[in-house]
Protein backbone atom coordinates (compact mmCIF):
# COMPACT_ATOMS: atom_id res chain seq x y z
CA MET A 1 2.73 84.79 -30.93
CA LYS A 2 4.97 82.43 -32.55
CA ARG A 3 4.12 78.62 -32.10
CA THR A 4 7.07 76.32 -30.75
CA PRO A 5 6.78 73.18 -33.17
CA ALA A 6 5.48 70.07 -30.34
CA ARG A 7 8.49 67.63 -29.29
CA GLY A 8 8.50 63.64 -30.09
CA PHE A 9 10.32 61.62 -29.04
CA THR A 10 13.39 60.34 -30.46
CA LEU A 11 14.98 56.84 -31.80
CA LEU A 12 17.14 56.75 -28.14
CA GLU A 13 14.73 57.22 -26.61
CA VAL A 14 11.59 54.97 -27.76
CA MET A 15 14.22 52.26 -27.72
CA ILE A 16 15.38 52.39 -24.56
CA ALA A 17 12.79 52.51 -23.36
CA ILE A 18 11.19 48.93 -25.78
CA ALA A 19 14.54 47.85 -23.44
CA ILE A 20 13.00 48.55 -19.84
CA LEU A 21 9.42 47.15 -20.65
CA VAL A 22 11.67 43.43 -22.12
CA THR A 23 13.13 43.77 -19.22
CA VAL A 24 9.88 44.03 -16.62
CA ALA A 25 8.54 41.39 -18.77
CA ALA A 26 11.33 38.78 -18.46
CA VAL A 27 11.32 39.33 -14.57
CA LEU A 28 7.48 39.40 -13.95
CA TYR A 29 7.79 36.31 -16.26
CA ARG A 30 10.42 34.47 -15.07
CA SER A 31 9.29 34.59 -11.66
CA MET A 32 5.51 33.39 -13.03
CA ALA A 33 7.25 30.79 -14.08
CA LEU A 34 9.51 29.92 -11.19
CA THR A 35 6.11 30.07 -9.67
CA TYR A 36 3.85 27.56 -11.25
CA GLU A 37 7.77 25.32 -10.99
CA THR A 38 7.41 25.36 -7.95
CA LYS A 39 3.22 23.97 -6.94
CA ALA A 40 4.40 21.78 -9.32
CA ARG A 41 7.31 20.30 -8.45
CA VAL A 42 4.97 20.88 -4.50
CA SER A 43 2.04 19.19 -6.10
CA ASP A 44 4.60 16.40 -6.20
CA ILE A 45 5.72 15.49 -3.23
CA ASN A 46 2.15 16.17 -2.11
CA ASP A 47 0.56 13.22 -4.07
CA ARG A 48 3.91 10.96 -3.58
CA TYR A 49 2.93 11.21 0.25
CA HIS A 50 -0.16 11.05 -0.69
CA GLU A 51 0.76 7.55 -2.85
CA GLY A 52 2.60 5.95 0.04
CA ARG A 53 0.41 6.33 2.66
CA GLN A 54 -2.10 4.84 0.75
CA VAL A 55 -0.44 1.56 -0.19
CA MET A 56 0.85 1.37 3.46
CA GLU A 57 -2.84 1.68 5.42
CA ARG A 58 -3.94 -0.36 2.81
CA ILE A 59 -1.27 -3.65 3.55
CA THR A 60 -1.35 -3.48 7.21
CA ARG A 61 -5.55 -3.39 7.54
CA GLU A 62 -5.29 -6.88 5.25
CA ILE A 63 -2.03 -7.77 7.96
CA ARG A 64 -3.79 -6.72 10.37
CA MET A 65 -7.30 -9.12 9.34
CA ALA A 66 -4.87 -11.78 8.43
CA PHE A 67 -6.24 -15.48 9.05
CA LEU A 68 -5.64 -19.11 8.96
CA HIS A 69 -8.44 -21.11 8.06
CA GLY A 70 -8.49 -24.12 9.83
CA MET A 71 -12.43 -25.35 7.99
CA PRO A 72 -13.83 -25.43 4.23
CA VAL A 73 -15.48 -22.13 3.19
CA GLU A 74 -18.43 -23.39 2.66
CA GLY A 75 -20.29 -26.39 2.12
CA GLU A 76 -20.44 -28.05 6.06
CA LEU A 77 -18.34 -28.95 8.63
CA GLU A 78 -15.99 -30.88 7.38
CA GLU A 79 -12.62 -32.45 9.34
CA ASP A 80 -9.61 -31.84 6.81
CA PRO A 81 -10.32 -29.42 4.22
CA ASN A 82 -9.25 -29.43 0.95
CA PHE A 83 -8.00 -26.58 0.69
CA VAL A 84 -5.45 -24.76 2.21
CA THR A 85 -4.35 -20.73 4.08
CA VAL A 86 -1.15 -20.54 4.48
CA PHE A 87 0.60 -16.84 5.71
CA LYS A 88 4.36 -16.73 3.69
CA GLY A 89 6.63 -14.24 3.94
CA ASP A 90 9.56 -13.40 3.07
CA ASP A 91 11.79 -9.87 2.95
CA GLU A 92 10.14 -8.72 -0.23
CA GLU A 93 7.41 -10.23 -1.28
CA LEU A 94 4.10 -11.86 1.39
CA HIS A 95 1.32 -13.75 1.07
CA PHE A 96 -1.43 -14.44 3.30
CA ALA A 97 -5.06 -15.25 3.25
CA SER A 98 -7.59 -12.20 4.92
CA THR A 99 -10.94 -10.63 5.21
CA ALA A 100 -10.53 -7.45 4.28
CA HIS A 101 -12.33 -7.84 1.16
CA LEU A 102 -14.44 -5.78 -0.42
CA ARG A 103 -17.27 -7.10 -3.25
CA MET A 104 -17.57 -4.62 -5.85
CA ARG A 105 -21.01 -5.88 -6.84
CA ALA A 106 -23.97 -6.16 -3.81
CA GLU A 107 -25.21 -10.03 -6.22
CA SER A 108 -21.19 -11.29 -6.46
CA ARG A 109 -21.34 -14.81 -4.96
CA GLU A 110 -18.42 -13.96 -2.76
CA SER A 111 -17.79 -13.21 1.08
CA ASP A 112 -15.14 -11.36 3.33
CA GLN A 113 -12.70 -13.95 2.94
CA ALA A 114 -9.77 -13.68 0.02
CA GLU A 115 -6.28 -14.26 -0.80
CA PHE A 116 -3.72 -11.45 -1.31
CA HIS A 117 -0.83 -11.10 -1.82
CA TYR A 118 2.00 -8.83 -2.26
CA PHE A 119 5.61 -8.20 -4.88
CA LEU A 120 8.10 -5.94 -6.53
CA LYS A 121 8.84 -5.93 -10.17
CA SER A 122 11.23 -5.00 -11.69
CA GLY A 123 10.79 -2.22 -13.78
CA ASP A 124 7.96 -3.22 -16.97
CA ARG A 125 6.60 0.12 -17.08
CA ASP A 126 7.50 3.45 -18.51
CA ASP A 127 7.16 6.04 -15.38
CA LYS A 128 9.40 8.71 -14.13
CA TYR A 129 10.84 7.75 -10.52
CA LYS A 130 13.68 4.96 -10.48
CA GLY A 131 13.51 1.24 -8.77
CA LYS A 132 10.95 -1.30 -9.19
CA THR A 133 7.47 -1.78 -9.08
CA LEU A 134 5.04 -2.87 -5.75
CA TYR A 135 2.13 -5.30 -7.34
CA ARG A 136 -0.29 -6.82 -5.16
CA ARG A 137 -2.67 -9.87 -6.48
CA GLU A 138 -5.76 -10.39 -5.00
CA SER A 139 -7.79 -14.23 -5.41
CA SER A 140 -12.05 -13.90 -4.28
CA ARG A 141 -11.29 -17.30 -4.04
CA ILE A 142 -9.64 -18.83 -1.28
CA ASP A 143 -8.41 -22.57 -2.56
CA SER A 144 -5.53 -25.26 -2.82
CA LYS A 145 -3.35 -22.94 -5.04
CA PRO A 146 -2.75 -19.45 -2.17
CA GLU A 147 -0.16 -18.06 -4.57
CA ARG A 148 -2.11 -18.68 -8.25
CA GLY A 149 -5.50 -16.80 -9.50
CA GLY A 150 -6.78 -13.90 -9.15
CA ALA A 151 -6.13 -10.53 -10.32
CA THR A 152 -3.17 -9.06 -10.66
CA TRP A 153 -1.87 -4.82 -10.39
CA PRO A 154 0.33 -1.86 -9.99
CA MET A 155 0.21 -0.20 -6.80
CA ILE A 156 2.95 1.61 -7.45
CA ASP A 157 5.87 2.71 -9.14
CA GLY A 158 9.38 4.08 -7.84
CA VAL A 159 10.17 1.11 -5.17
CA LYS A 160 13.17 1.71 -3.46
CA GLU A 161 13.08 -1.14 -0.52
CA LEU A 162 10.83 -3.22 0.40
CA THR A 163 10.53 -5.32 3.43
CA PHE A 164 8.38 -7.38 5.82
CA GLU A 165 10.41 -8.53 8.99
CA TYR A 166 8.40 -10.66 11.64
CA TRP A 167 8.10 -10.64 15.02
CA ASP A 168 9.05 -13.82 16.74
CA GLU A 169 7.56 -13.30 20.12
CA LYS A 170 9.77 -16.47 21.59
CA LYS A 171 13.01 -14.32 20.70
CA GLU A 172 11.36 -10.88 23.06
CA ILE A 173 14.29 -10.89 24.91
CA ALA A 174 17.56 -11.22 24.82
CA GLU A 175 17.78 -11.68 21.31
CA ASP A 176 16.65 -10.28 17.64
CA ALA A 177 12.73 -11.62 17.62
CA TRP A 178 13.01 -9.75 13.95
CA LYS A 179 12.57 -12.27 11.84
CA ARG A 180 13.13 -11.52 7.79
CA THR A 181 11.06 -15.13 7.04
CA TRP A 182 7.88 -16.36 8.37
CA ASP A 183 5.83 -19.75 7.07
CA SER A 184 3.02 -20.81 8.78
CA GLN A 185 3.81 -24.39 7.39
CA ASN A 186 7.11 -25.18 8.16
CA ASP A 187 8.80 -23.73 11.03
CA GLU A 188 6.26 -21.44 12.53
CA LYS A 189 3.58 -24.40 12.35
CA ASP A 190 -0.09 -22.96 12.51
CA LEU A 191 1.42 -19.40 13.84
CA LEU A 192 0.50 -16.04 12.67
CA PRO A 193 3.66 -13.51 13.51
CA ALA A 194 2.85 -11.38 16.62
CA ARG A 195 3.13 -8.63 14.98
CA VAL A 196 4.56 -7.80 11.17
CA ARG A 197 6.90 -4.86 10.22
CA ILE A 198 6.06 -3.17 6.68
CA THR A 199 8.90 -0.37 5.66
CA LEU A 200 8.63 0.95 2.02
CA VAL A 201 11.34 3.38 0.78
CA LEU A 202 10.44 5.57 -2.45
CA ASP A 203 12.21 7.47 -5.15
CA MET A 204 11.00 11.20 -5.57
CA GLY A 205 12.90 11.48 -8.14
CA GLU A 206 15.04 14.94 -9.11
CA ASP A 207 18.26 14.50 -6.91
CA ARG A 208 15.19 14.38 -4.49
CA PRO A 209 16.01 12.53 -1.22
CA GLU A 210 13.82 9.56 -0.90
CA LEU A 211 10.33 8.50 1.14
CA ARG A 212 10.59 6.48 3.54
CA PHE A 213 7.37 4.64 5.44
CA VAL A 214 7.83 2.84 8.56
CA SER A 215 4.35 1.05 9.99
CA GLN A 216 3.16 -1.92 12.41
CA ALA A 217 0.32 -4.91 11.69
CA ALA A 218 -0.29 -7.27 14.52
CA PRO A 219 -2.74 -9.88 12.63
CA LYS A 220 -5.53 -10.22 15.12
CA LEU A 221 -5.97 -14.03 14.61
CA ARG A 222 -2.60 -15.81 15.12
CA LYS A 223 -3.58 -19.78 14.97
CA PRO A 224 -5.65 -21.65 12.96
CA ILE A 225 -9.71 -21.21 12.65
CA SER A 226 -11.01 -24.80 13.41
CA ALA A 227 -14.80 -26.54 12.72
CA GLU A 228 -14.62 -26.85 16.71
CA ASP A 229 -13.69 -23.96 17.43
CA ALA A 230 -16.98 -22.65 15.23
CA LEU A 231 -18.96 -25.31 16.72
CA ASN A 232 -18.60 -24.47 20.00
CA ASP A 233 -19.00 -20.09 18.84
CA ALA A 234 -21.78 -21.61 16.93
CA LYS A 235 -23.62 -23.54 20.49
CA LYS A 236 -22.48 -20.08 22.76
CA GLN A 237 -23.98 -17.54 20.52
CA ALA A 238 -27.06 -19.90 21.01
CA ILE A 239 -26.50 -19.95 24.27
CA GLN A 240 -27.00 -16.27 24.77
CA ASN A 241 -29.59 -15.27 22.44
CA LEU A 242 -31.36 -18.12 24.64
CA VAL A 243 -30.50 -16.98 28.20
CA GLU A 244 -31.34 -12.98 26.40
CA LYS A 245 -34.85 -14.40 25.45
CA LEU A 246 -35.25 -15.24 29.00
């Protein structure tokens, strides 16, 4: 019996097979590349949302705990304290004293009181987002120079807009009660605003829509804490403790 010789692939068939394989590999590569690109974009958006929420939460918490001091931080109670505590702000800048300070070291000579200062500064940092940088200054020592001292560090880049607005309850009826400035030393003598509205707009990069955050914070102590108030509170607490023991 005569054996039929084995037939192999022709050059054309091999080239067609290679072309099909390359096409399938290219489609798979493109699909995987789009998947990783989409994942990276979604991750960037989520990180940006998280940054914005954290910044807004911190600002509102510190404003809620703002206060005006009427007695010295250290030593005996004095009628005229040797330092000034103010609440002063405009559209893009705000500095105030607050009881929101966190002690990082157990034995540090610090309290929960500190001076805070939020402000914008033009882009001196290399970043992928367009806009200004929001800085935060914190001084753990309250002194007679509320606009100086402490440490300053950036909070978030790519800020397109930062607006502080202050609610004036005297203009609540028939007028626009939101003011663009507040000064507890001059126009609003010894008084904190009833509410502070914070608007933060962030650039998202790559022609994406801007990200806008709006929140409000209401300071708990609107009037100065005086030495007389502190003594009265101490007397009330002592009387209450005595009654409870009886």
